[in-house]
N, C-alpha and C. Protein backbone atom coordinates (compact mmCIF):
# COMPACT_ATOMS: atom_id res chain seq x y z
N ALA A 1 4.16 -6.34 20.20
CA ALA A 1 3.18 -5.67 19.37
C ALA A 1 2.02 -6.61 19.15
N GLY A 2 0.83 -6.17 19.48
CA GLY A 2 -0.36 -6.98 19.28
C GLY A 2 -0.93 -6.76 17.90
N SER A 3 -1.85 -7.61 17.53
CA SER A 3 -2.48 -7.44 16.23
C SER A 3 -3.57 -6.38 16.34
N MET A 4 -3.76 -5.65 15.26
CA MET A 4 -4.76 -4.59 15.23
C MET A 4 -5.78 -4.92 14.16
N ALA A 5 -7.03 -4.63 14.45
CA ALA A 5 -8.07 -4.80 13.44
C ALA A 5 -7.91 -3.69 12.41
N ALA A 6 -7.93 -4.05 11.15
CA ALA A 6 -7.77 -3.07 10.10
C ALA A 6 -9.12 -2.44 9.76
N PRO A 7 -9.14 -1.14 9.51
CA PRO A 7 -10.40 -0.50 9.18
C PRO A 7 -10.81 -0.81 7.75
N ALA A 8 -12.09 -0.77 7.50
CA ALA A 8 -12.60 -0.93 6.14
C ALA A 8 -12.73 0.46 5.55
N LEU A 9 -11.82 0.82 4.67
CA LEU A 9 -11.86 2.13 4.04
C LEU A 9 -12.78 2.08 2.84
N PRO A 10 -13.36 3.19 2.46
CA PRO A 10 -14.26 3.18 1.31
C PRO A 10 -13.50 2.90 0.02
N ASP A 11 -14.18 2.27 -0.92
CA ASP A 11 -13.60 2.04 -2.24
C ASP A 11 -13.52 3.40 -2.93
N PRO A 12 -12.34 3.81 -3.41
CA PRO A 12 -12.26 5.12 -4.06
C PRO A 12 -13.25 5.30 -5.19
N SER A 13 -13.60 4.22 -5.90
CA SER A 13 -14.54 4.35 -7.01
C SER A 13 -15.96 4.60 -6.51
N GLU A 14 -16.23 4.29 -5.24
CA GLU A 14 -17.56 4.48 -4.68
C GLU A 14 -17.57 5.51 -3.55
N CYS A 15 -16.45 6.18 -3.34
CA CYS A 15 -16.31 7.07 -2.19
C CYS A 15 -17.16 8.32 -2.35
N THR A 16 -17.93 8.62 -1.31
CA THR A 16 -18.70 9.85 -1.29
C THR A 16 -17.91 10.93 -0.56
N CYS A 17 -16.69 10.58 -0.16
CA CYS A 17 -15.81 11.52 0.54
C CYS A 17 -15.25 12.51 -0.47
N ASP A 18 -14.57 13.53 0.05
CA ASP A 18 -13.92 14.47 -0.84
C ASP A 18 -12.90 13.72 -1.70
N PRO A 19 -12.80 14.09 -2.97
CA PRO A 19 -11.85 13.39 -3.84
C PRO A 19 -10.42 13.65 -3.44
N SER A 20 -9.55 12.87 -4.01
CA SER A 20 -8.12 12.99 -3.74
C SER A 20 -7.64 14.40 -4.00
N PHE A 21 -6.77 14.88 -3.13
CA PHE A 21 -6.16 16.18 -3.32
C PHE A 21 -5.01 16.10 -4.32
N SER A 22 -4.55 14.90 -4.63
CA SER A 22 -3.32 14.73 -5.40
C SER A 22 -3.36 15.41 -6.76
N GLY A 23 -4.51 15.40 -7.42
CA GLY A 23 -4.60 16.03 -8.72
C GLY A 23 -4.65 17.54 -8.64
N GLU A 24 -5.01 18.07 -7.49
CA GLU A 24 -5.16 19.51 -7.33
C GLU A 24 -3.89 20.16 -6.83
N ARG A 25 -3.22 19.53 -5.87
CA ARG A 25 -2.03 20.10 -5.28
C ARG A 25 -1.27 19.02 -4.53
N GLN A 26 -0.04 19.32 -4.20
CA GLN A 26 0.77 18.39 -3.42
C GLN A 26 0.47 18.59 -1.94
N VAL A 27 0.33 17.50 -1.22
CA VAL A 27 0.12 17.54 0.23
C VAL A 27 1.36 16.91 0.87
N SER A 28 2.03 17.66 1.72
CA SER A 28 3.22 17.14 2.37
C SER A 28 2.83 16.15 3.47
N LEU A 29 3.77 15.29 3.84
CA LEU A 29 3.51 14.36 4.94
C LEU A 29 3.26 15.12 6.24
N GLU A 30 3.90 16.28 6.37
CA GLU A 30 3.69 17.10 7.56
C GLU A 30 2.25 17.61 7.62
N GLU A 31 1.74 18.07 6.46
CA GLU A 31 0.35 18.55 6.42
C GLU A 31 -0.62 17.39 6.65
N LEU A 32 -0.36 16.25 6.03
CA LEU A 32 -1.19 15.06 6.22
C LEU A 32 -1.28 14.71 7.70
N ALA A 33 -0.15 14.77 8.39
CA ALA A 33 -0.08 14.39 9.80
C ALA A 33 -0.89 15.31 10.71
N GLU A 34 -1.28 16.48 10.22
CA GLU A 34 -2.09 17.41 11.01
C GLU A 34 -3.57 17.02 11.01
N HIS A 35 -3.96 16.11 10.13
CA HIS A 35 -5.38 15.77 9.95
C HIS A 35 -5.66 14.38 10.52
N LEU A 36 -5.74 14.31 11.85
CA LEU A 36 -5.89 13.01 12.51
C LEU A 36 -6.97 13.04 13.59
N THR A 37 -7.97 13.88 13.38
CA THR A 37 -9.06 13.99 14.35
C THR A 37 -10.41 13.74 13.69
N GLU A 38 -11.44 13.60 14.50
CA GLU A 38 -12.79 13.43 13.96
C GLU A 38 -13.23 14.66 13.17
N ALA A 39 -12.67 15.81 13.47
CA ALA A 39 -13.02 17.05 12.77
C ALA A 39 -12.35 17.14 11.40
N SER A 40 -11.23 16.44 11.23
CA SER A 40 -10.49 16.46 9.97
C SER A 40 -9.62 15.22 9.89
N CYS A 41 -10.08 14.24 9.13
CA CYS A 41 -9.43 12.93 9.07
C CYS A 41 -8.99 12.64 7.63
N TRP A 42 -7.70 12.78 7.38
CA TRP A 42 -7.13 12.49 6.07
C TRP A 42 -6.27 11.25 6.17
N VAL A 43 -6.26 10.45 5.09
CA VAL A 43 -5.35 9.32 4.98
C VAL A 43 -4.74 9.31 3.58
N LEU A 44 -3.58 8.70 3.48
CA LEU A 44 -2.90 8.52 2.20
C LEU A 44 -3.12 7.09 1.76
N ILE A 45 -3.69 6.89 0.56
CA ILE A 45 -3.90 5.56 0.00
C ILE A 45 -3.40 5.57 -1.43
N ARG A 46 -2.41 4.72 -1.71
CA ARG A 46 -1.85 4.59 -3.06
C ARG A 46 -1.45 5.94 -3.66
N GLY A 47 -0.82 6.77 -2.84
CA GLY A 47 -0.32 8.05 -3.33
C GLY A 47 -1.33 9.16 -3.42
N ALA A 48 -2.58 8.90 -3.04
CA ALA A 48 -3.63 9.92 -3.08
C ALA A 48 -4.11 10.21 -1.66
N VAL A 49 -4.32 11.47 -1.36
CA VAL A 49 -4.81 11.87 -0.05
C VAL A 49 -6.33 11.94 -0.09
N TRP A 50 -6.95 11.28 0.89
CA TRP A 50 -8.41 11.24 0.98
C TRP A 50 -8.86 11.88 2.29
N ASP A 51 -9.89 12.72 2.20
CA ASP A 51 -10.52 13.28 3.39
C ASP A 51 -11.66 12.34 3.75
N LEU A 52 -11.46 11.50 4.76
CA LEU A 52 -12.47 10.52 5.17
C LEU A 52 -13.38 11.04 6.28
N THR A 53 -13.27 12.32 6.60
CA THR A 53 -14.07 12.89 7.68
C THR A 53 -15.56 12.57 7.53
N PRO A 54 -16.16 12.76 6.35
CA PRO A 54 -17.60 12.48 6.23
C PRO A 54 -17.95 10.99 6.39
N PHE A 55 -16.98 10.11 6.15
CA PHE A 55 -17.22 8.67 6.20
C PHE A 55 -17.16 8.12 7.63
N LEU A 56 -16.56 8.86 8.54
CA LEU A 56 -16.37 8.37 9.91
C LEU A 56 -17.68 7.92 10.55
N VAL A 57 -18.75 8.70 10.39
CA VAL A 57 -20.02 8.37 11.04
C VAL A 57 -20.68 7.15 10.43
N ASP A 58 -20.34 6.82 9.18
CA ASP A 58 -20.96 5.70 8.48
C ASP A 58 -20.13 4.42 8.52
N HIS A 59 -18.93 4.50 9.04
CA HIS A 59 -18.05 3.33 9.02
C HIS A 59 -18.60 2.24 9.93
N PRO A 60 -18.81 1.03 9.40
CA PRO A 60 -19.39 -0.05 10.20
C PRO A 60 -18.57 -0.42 11.43
N GLY A 61 -17.27 -0.23 11.38
CA GLY A 61 -16.41 -0.57 12.52
C GLY A 61 -16.22 0.58 13.49
N GLY A 62 -16.90 1.68 13.23
CA GLY A 62 -16.77 2.85 14.09
C GLY A 62 -15.66 3.78 13.62
N ALA A 63 -15.75 5.01 14.04
CA ALA A 63 -14.77 6.02 13.63
C ALA A 63 -13.36 5.67 14.08
N GLY A 64 -13.23 5.03 15.23
CA GLY A 64 -11.91 4.72 15.76
C GLY A 64 -11.07 3.85 14.86
N ALA A 65 -11.72 2.97 14.10
CA ALA A 65 -10.98 2.09 13.20
C ALA A 65 -10.26 2.87 12.12
N ILE A 66 -10.86 3.95 11.65
CA ILE A 66 -10.21 4.80 10.65
C ILE A 66 -9.27 5.78 11.32
N LEU A 67 -9.70 6.36 12.43
CA LEU A 67 -8.87 7.35 13.12
C LEU A 67 -7.52 6.77 13.53
N GLU A 68 -7.46 5.47 13.73
CA GLU A 68 -6.20 4.81 14.06
C GLU A 68 -5.14 5.03 12.98
N PHE A 69 -5.59 5.23 11.73
CA PHE A 69 -4.68 5.41 10.61
C PHE A 69 -4.71 6.83 10.05
N ALA A 70 -5.42 7.73 10.70
CA ALA A 70 -5.55 9.11 10.23
C ALA A 70 -4.21 9.82 10.26
N GLY A 71 -4.01 10.68 9.28
CA GLY A 71 -2.80 11.49 9.24
C GLY A 71 -1.58 10.77 8.75
N ARG A 72 -1.76 9.57 8.16
CA ARG A 72 -0.59 8.83 7.68
C ARG A 72 -0.96 7.92 6.52
N ASP A 73 0.03 7.20 6.03
CA ASP A 73 -0.16 6.30 4.90
C ASP A 73 -0.91 5.05 5.35
N ALA A 74 -2.08 4.83 4.77
CA ALA A 74 -2.90 3.66 5.09
C ALA A 74 -2.92 2.66 3.94
N THR A 75 -1.98 2.79 3.01
CA THR A 75 -1.97 1.93 1.82
C THR A 75 -1.89 0.45 2.18
N ALA A 76 -1.01 0.07 3.08
CA ALA A 76 -0.84 -1.35 3.41
C ALA A 76 -2.14 -1.93 3.99
N VAL A 77 -2.80 -1.17 4.84
CA VAL A 77 -4.07 -1.62 5.42
C VAL A 77 -5.12 -1.71 4.34
N TRP A 78 -5.20 -0.69 3.51
CA TRP A 78 -6.17 -0.65 2.41
C TRP A 78 -5.98 -1.87 1.50
N GLU A 79 -4.74 -2.12 1.09
CA GLU A 79 -4.48 -3.22 0.16
C GLU A 79 -4.72 -4.58 0.79
N SER A 80 -4.54 -4.70 2.11
CA SER A 80 -4.81 -5.98 2.76
C SER A 80 -6.30 -6.28 2.77
N LEU A 81 -7.13 -5.25 2.74
CA LEU A 81 -8.58 -5.43 2.74
C LEU A 81 -9.19 -5.39 1.35
N HIS A 82 -8.47 -4.82 0.38
CA HIS A 82 -8.98 -4.68 -0.98
C HIS A 82 -7.93 -5.17 -1.97
N PRO A 83 -7.69 -6.50 -2.00
CA PRO A 83 -6.68 -7.03 -2.93
C PRO A 83 -7.07 -6.76 -4.38
N PRO A 84 -6.08 -6.63 -5.25
CA PRO A 84 -6.39 -6.41 -6.68
C PRO A 84 -7.21 -7.56 -7.23
N GLU A 85 -8.09 -7.23 -8.13
CA GLU A 85 -8.95 -8.28 -8.72
C GLU A 85 -8.21 -9.06 -9.77
């Protein structure tokens, strides 16, 4: 297994993406796994589902860096790039 570059996900406090679905409804892992394309890119971060589709075009590392983690839990990657203050 080679090392992978981790994507820079938006800070939830500054995210212009759609807000977490968690407060509105439950999203199953099966449903999350269906959203792994440029047309619909969802990730799970700290128990909240984020639609990062609008952020893909603005991501400095390119859409592929986020799409690599689309449709699944990206918490470990997120926390490695955004350690608690």
